[in-house]
Amino acid sequence: MTAPNELRLLKWSGPEGKPCYLSTDERGGYMSRLADNIEAVQLGTATELLEEAYEALNDRDVDLDEMRRLANKLSGALRDILRVAISRGHLLAVGEPRP
């Protein structure tokens, strides 16, 4: 089984909003693949929103409600991507050899 410092932070939360972690030695297992697929979707969504934001910022006719909607979506995407980055960062730190 995975050591406690090698747990993978998952996208979803558990009861009372507490973080969920995956502990497995099976990188190709169902839960690992599910987490990989969700992270890929999150990264794709963030990429699309970034392009949408670029276009909106260059459009002088975009209205305030549209900008608010976009800002809300970007905030959610950033929150998701930060969670992915934190999880991957922890896993990378664990895998690095010590001097």
N, C-alpha and C. Protein backbone atom coordinates (compact mmCIF):
# COMPACT_ATOMS: atom_id res chain seq x y z
N MET A 1 0.84 -1.18 0.00
CA MET A 1 0.00 0.00 0.00
C MET A 1 0.89 1.25 0.00
N THR A 2 0.37 2.33 -0.48
CA THR A 2 1.10 3.59 -0.57
C THR A 2 1.39 4.16 0.81
N ALA A 3 2.56 4.72 0.99
CA ALA A 3 2.90 5.38 2.25
C ALA A 3 2.04 6.62 2.43
N PRO A 4 1.75 7.03 3.68
CA PRO A 4 0.87 8.17 3.91
C PRO A 4 1.32 9.45 3.21
N ASN A 5 2.62 9.65 3.06
CA ASN A 5 3.08 10.88 2.41
C ASN A 5 3.01 10.79 0.88
N GLU A 6 2.52 9.66 0.36
CA GLU A 6 2.39 9.47 -1.08
C GLU A 6 0.93 9.44 -1.52
N LEU A 7 0.03 9.88 -0.68
CA LEU A 7 -1.38 9.88 -1.02
C LEU A 7 -1.66 10.89 -2.12
N ARG A 8 -2.61 10.56 -2.97
CA ARG A 8 -2.98 11.44 -4.08
C ARG A 8 -4.26 12.18 -3.71
N LEU A 9 -4.19 13.50 -3.72
CA LEU A 9 -5.36 14.33 -3.46
C LEU A 9 -6.30 14.23 -4.64
N LEU A 10 -7.55 13.90 -4.37
CA LEU A 10 -8.54 13.73 -5.43
C LEU A 10 -9.37 15.00 -5.62
N LYS A 11 -10.05 15.09 -6.74
CA LYS A 11 -10.85 16.25 -7.10
C LYS A 11 -12.02 16.45 -6.14
N TRP A 12 -12.64 15.37 -5.76
CA TRP A 12 -13.86 15.46 -4.98
C TRP A 12 -13.55 15.50 -3.49
N SER A 13 -14.52 15.95 -2.73
CA SER A 13 -14.38 16.04 -1.28
C SER A 13 -15.23 14.96 -0.63
N GLY A 14 -14.88 14.65 0.58
CA GLY A 14 -15.63 13.66 1.34
C GLY A 14 -16.67 14.33 2.21
N PRO A 15 -17.14 13.59 3.21
CA PRO A 15 -18.13 14.16 4.12
C PRO A 15 -17.61 15.44 4.78
N GLU A 16 -18.50 16.38 4.93
CA GLU A 16 -18.19 17.66 5.57
C GLU A 16 -17.13 18.45 4.80
N GLY A 17 -16.99 18.17 3.49
CA GLY A 17 -16.05 18.93 2.66
C GLY A 17 -14.59 18.60 2.88
N LYS A 18 -14.31 17.53 3.61
CA LYS A 18 -12.92 17.15 3.86
C LYS A 18 -12.32 16.56 2.60
N PRO A 19 -11.00 16.76 2.39
CA PRO A 19 -10.34 16.24 1.18
C PRO A 19 -10.36 14.71 1.15
N CYS A 20 -10.40 14.18 -0.07
CA CYS A 20 -10.31 12.73 -0.30
C CYS A 20 -8.94 12.42 -0.89
N TYR A 21 -8.35 11.34 -0.45
CA TYR A 21 -7.05 10.91 -0.95
C TYR A 21 -7.14 9.49 -1.47
N LEU A 22 -6.31 9.20 -2.45
CA LEU A 22 -6.22 7.86 -3.02
C LEU A 22 -4.92 7.23 -2.55
N SER A 23 -5.03 6.03 -2.01
CA SER A 23 -3.87 5.26 -1.57
C SER A 23 -3.88 3.94 -2.31
N THR A 24 -2.96 3.79 -3.25
CA THR A 24 -2.90 2.54 -4.00
C THR A 24 -1.52 2.38 -4.63
N ASP A 25 -1.12 1.15 -4.82
CA ASP A 25 0.11 0.84 -5.54
C ASP A 25 -0.20 0.59 -7.01
N GLU A 26 -1.46 0.57 -7.36
CA GLU A 26 -1.91 0.22 -8.70
C GLU A 26 -2.14 1.49 -9.52
N ARG A 27 -1.10 1.97 -10.22
CA ARG A 27 -1.20 3.20 -11.00
C ARG A 27 -2.23 3.09 -12.12
N GLY A 28 -2.45 1.92 -12.64
CA GLY A 28 -3.41 1.72 -13.71
C GLY A 28 -4.77 1.24 -13.22
N GLY A 29 -4.98 1.29 -11.90
CA GLY A 29 -6.25 0.84 -11.34
C GLY A 29 -7.39 1.77 -11.68
N TYR A 30 -8.59 1.30 -11.42
CA TYR A 30 -9.79 2.06 -11.77
C TYR A 30 -9.79 3.47 -11.17
N MET A 31 -9.52 3.60 -9.89
CA MET A 31 -9.57 4.92 -9.24
C MET A 31 -8.45 5.83 -9.76
N SER A 32 -7.28 5.28 -10.00
CA SER A 32 -6.18 6.08 -10.55
C SER A 32 -6.54 6.59 -11.94
N ARG A 33 -7.11 5.72 -12.76
CA ARG A 33 -7.51 6.14 -14.12
C ARG A 33 -8.63 7.17 -14.06
N LEU A 34 -9.57 6.99 -13.14
CA LEU A 34 -10.66 7.95 -12.98
C LEU A 34 -10.10 9.32 -12.59
N ALA A 35 -9.20 9.34 -11.63
CA ALA A 35 -8.58 10.60 -11.21
C ALA A 35 -7.79 11.23 -12.36
N ASP A 36 -7.05 10.42 -13.13
CA ASP A 36 -6.30 10.94 -14.28
C ASP A 36 -7.24 11.57 -15.31
N ASN A 37 -8.35 10.88 -15.58
CA ASN A 37 -9.31 11.39 -16.57
C ASN A 37 -9.96 12.70 -16.10
N ILE A 38 -10.30 12.77 -14.83
CA ILE A 38 -10.91 14.00 -14.31
C ILE A 38 -9.90 15.14 -14.38
N GLU A 39 -8.66 14.88 -14.02
CA GLU A 39 -7.63 15.92 -14.10
C GLU A 39 -7.43 16.38 -15.54
N ALA A 40 -7.47 15.46 -16.50
CA ALA A 40 -7.32 15.83 -17.91
C ALA A 40 -8.47 16.73 -18.36
N VAL A 41 -9.68 16.42 -17.91
CA VAL A 41 -10.83 17.27 -18.24
C VAL A 41 -10.67 18.65 -17.62
N GLN A 42 -10.21 18.70 -16.38
CA GLN A 42 -10.00 19.98 -15.71
C GLN A 42 -8.97 20.83 -16.44
N LEU A 43 -7.88 20.22 -16.86
CA LEU A 43 -6.85 20.96 -17.59
C LEU A 43 -7.39 21.45 -18.93
N GLY A 44 -8.17 20.62 -19.61
CA GLY A 44 -8.77 21.02 -20.88
C GLY A 44 -9.74 22.18 -20.70
N THR A 45 -10.56 22.11 -19.67
CA THR A 45 -11.51 23.18 -19.38
C THR A 45 -10.78 24.49 -19.09
N ALA A 46 -9.72 24.42 -18.31
CA ALA A 46 -8.94 25.62 -17.99
C ALA A 46 -8.34 26.23 -19.26
N THR A 47 -7.85 25.39 -20.16
CA THR A 47 -7.29 25.86 -21.42
C THR A 47 -8.34 26.59 -22.25
N GLU A 48 -9.54 25.99 -22.34
CA GLU A 48 -10.63 26.61 -23.10
C GLU A 48 -11.06 27.94 -22.47
N LEU A 49 -11.15 27.98 -21.15
CA LEU A 49 -11.55 29.22 -20.47
C LEU A 49 -10.50 30.31 -20.64
N LEU A 50 -9.25 29.92 -20.64
CA LEU A 50 -8.18 30.90 -20.85
C LEU A 50 -8.31 31.55 -22.22
N GLU A 51 -8.60 30.76 -23.23
CA GLU A 51 -8.81 31.30 -24.58
C GLU A 51 -10.04 32.20 -24.62
N GLU A 52 -11.11 31.76 -23.95
CA GLU A 52 -12.34 32.57 -23.89
C GLU A 52 -12.07 33.91 -23.19
N ALA A 53 -11.27 33.87 -22.13
CA ALA A 53 -10.94 35.10 -21.40
C ALA A 53 -10.12 36.03 -22.28
N TYR A 54 -9.17 35.49 -23.01
CA TYR A 54 -8.35 36.30 -23.91
C TYR A 54 -9.24 37.02 -24.93
N GLU A 55 -10.18 36.28 -25.51
CA GLU A 55 -11.09 36.87 -26.50
C GLU A 55 -11.98 37.92 -25.87
N ALA A 56 -12.51 37.64 -24.68
CA ALA A 56 -13.40 38.58 -24.01
C ALA A 56 -12.68 39.87 -23.64
N LEU A 57 -11.45 39.74 -23.19
CA LEU A 57 -10.69 40.93 -22.80
C LEU A 57 -10.34 41.81 -24.00
N ASN A 58 -10.32 41.22 -25.18
CA ASN A 58 -10.04 41.98 -26.39
C ASN A 58 -11.31 42.46 -27.10
N ASP A 59 -12.47 42.16 -26.53
CA ASP A 59 -13.76 42.54 -27.10
C ASP A 59 -14.32 43.70 -26.29
N ARG A 60 -14.31 44.89 -26.87
CA ARG A 60 -14.80 46.07 -26.16
C ARG A 60 -16.31 46.05 -25.96
N ASP A 61 -17.02 45.16 -26.68
CA ASP A 61 -18.48 45.10 -26.59
C ASP A 61 -18.99 44.06 -25.59
N VAL A 62 -18.10 43.32 -24.93
CA VAL A 62 -18.54 42.30 -23.98
C VAL A 62 -19.18 43.00 -22.77
N ASP A 63 -20.32 42.47 -22.32
CA ASP A 63 -21.03 43.13 -21.22
C ASP A 63 -20.54 42.64 -19.87
N LEU A 64 -20.90 43.37 -18.84
CA LEU A 64 -20.44 43.10 -17.48
C LEU A 64 -20.91 41.73 -16.98
N ASP A 65 -22.15 41.36 -17.29
CA ASP A 65 -22.65 40.05 -16.85
C ASP A 65 -21.83 38.91 -17.46
N GLU A 66 -21.46 39.05 -18.72
CA GLU A 66 -20.65 38.04 -19.38
C GLU A 66 -19.26 37.95 -18.72
N MET A 67 -18.69 39.09 -18.38
CA MET A 67 -17.38 39.10 -17.73
C MET A 67 -17.46 38.47 -16.34
N ARG A 68 -18.55 38.73 -15.61
CA ARG A 68 -18.73 38.12 -14.29
C ARG A 68 -18.86 36.60 -14.41
N ARG A 69 -19.65 36.15 -15.40
CA ARG A 69 -19.81 34.72 -15.63
C ARG A 69 -18.46 34.08 -15.92
N LEU A 70 -17.70 34.73 -16.77
CA LEU A 70 -16.38 34.23 -17.14
C LEU A 70 -15.44 34.22 -15.93
N ALA A 71 -15.48 35.27 -15.13
CA ALA A 71 -14.63 35.34 -13.93
C ALA A 71 -14.99 34.21 -12.96
N ASN A 72 -16.26 33.92 -12.81
CA ASN A 72 -16.68 32.82 -11.93
C ASN A 72 -16.17 31.48 -12.45
N LYS A 73 -16.30 31.26 -13.75
CA LYS A 73 -15.80 30.01 -14.34
C LYS A 73 -14.28 29.90 -14.20
N LEU A 74 -13.58 31.00 -14.45
CA LEU A 74 -12.13 30.99 -14.31
C LEU A 74 -11.71 30.71 -12.87
N SER A 75 -12.43 31.27 -11.91
CA SER A 75 -12.12 31.02 -10.50
C SER A 75 -12.27 29.54 -10.17
N GLY A 76 -13.35 28.92 -10.65
CA GLY A 76 -13.55 27.49 -10.42
C GLY A 76 -12.47 26.66 -11.07
N ALA A 77 -12.11 27.01 -12.31
CA ALA A 77 -11.06 26.27 -13.02
C ALA A 77 -9.72 26.42 -12.31
N LEU A 78 -9.43 27.62 -11.83
CA LEU A 78 -8.17 27.85 -11.12
C LEU A 78 -8.13 27.02 -9.83
N ARG A 79 -9.25 26.99 -9.13
CA ARG A 79 -9.33 26.18 -7.90
C ARG A 79 -9.04 24.71 -8.22
N ASP A 80 -9.65 24.20 -9.30
CA ASP A 80 -9.43 22.80 -9.70
C ASP A 80 -7.98 22.55 -10.08
N ILE A 81 -7.40 23.44 -10.86
CA ILE A 81 -6.02 23.27 -11.32
C ILE A 81 -5.04 23.37 -10.16
N LEU A 82 -5.31 24.24 -9.21
CA LEU A 82 -4.44 24.32 -8.03
C LEU A 82 -4.48 23.01 -7.24
N ARG A 83 -5.65 22.42 -7.17
CA ARG A 83 -5.76 21.14 -6.46
C ARG A 83 -4.94 20.06 -7.18
N VAL A 84 -5.01 20.05 -8.51
CA VAL A 84 -4.21 19.11 -9.30
C VAL A 84 -2.73 19.38 -9.06
N ALA A 85 -2.33 20.64 -9.11
CA ALA A 85 -0.92 21.00 -8.94
C ALA A 85 -0.41 20.62 -7.55
N ILE A 86 -1.21 20.87 -6.55
CA ILE A 86 -0.81 20.51 -5.18
C ILE A 86 -0.63 19.00 -5.07
N SER A 87 -1.59 18.25 -5.59
CA SER A 87 -1.51 16.80 -5.53
C SER A 87 -0.29 16.29 -6.27
N ARG A 88 -0.08 16.76 -7.49
CA ARG A 88 1.07 16.31 -8.28
C ARG A 88 2.38 16.77 -7.65
N GLY A 89 2.39 17.95 -7.08
CA GLY A 89 3.60 18.45 -6.42
C GLY A 89 3.99 17.57 -5.25
N HIS A 90 3.01 17.15 -4.46
CA HIS A 90 3.30 16.25 -3.34
C HIS A 90 3.84 14.92 -3.84
N LEU A 91 3.24 14.41 -4.91
CA LEU A 91 3.71 13.13 -5.45
C LEU A 91 5.11 13.25 -6.03
N LEU A 92 5.41 14.38 -6.68
CA LEU A 92 6.74 14.58 -7.23
C LEU A 92 7.78 14.70 -6.11
N ALA A 93 7.43 15.42 -5.06
CA ALA A 93 8.37 15.60 -3.94
C ALA A 93 8.70 14.26 -3.30
N VAL A 94 7.72 13.39 -3.21
CA VAL A 94 7.94 12.08 -2.61
C VAL A 94 8.86 11.25 -3.48
N GLY A 95 8.72 11.38 -4.80
CA GLY A 95 9.50 10.57 -5.73
C GLY A 95 10.91 11.05 -5.98
N GLU A 96 11.24 12.26 -5.52
CA GLU A 96 12.59 12.80 -5.75
C GLU A 96 13.60 12.14 -4.82
N PRO A 97 14.77 11.78 -5.37
CA PRO A 97 15.80 11.20 -4.51
C PRO A 97 16.37 12.25 -3.56
N ARG A 98 16.70 11.83 -2.39
CA ARG A 98 17.28 12.74 -1.39
C ARG A 98 18.79 12.82 -1.57
N PRO A 99 19.36 14.03 -1.39
CA PRO A 99 20.82 14.17 -1.53
C PRO A 99 21.58 13.46 -0.45
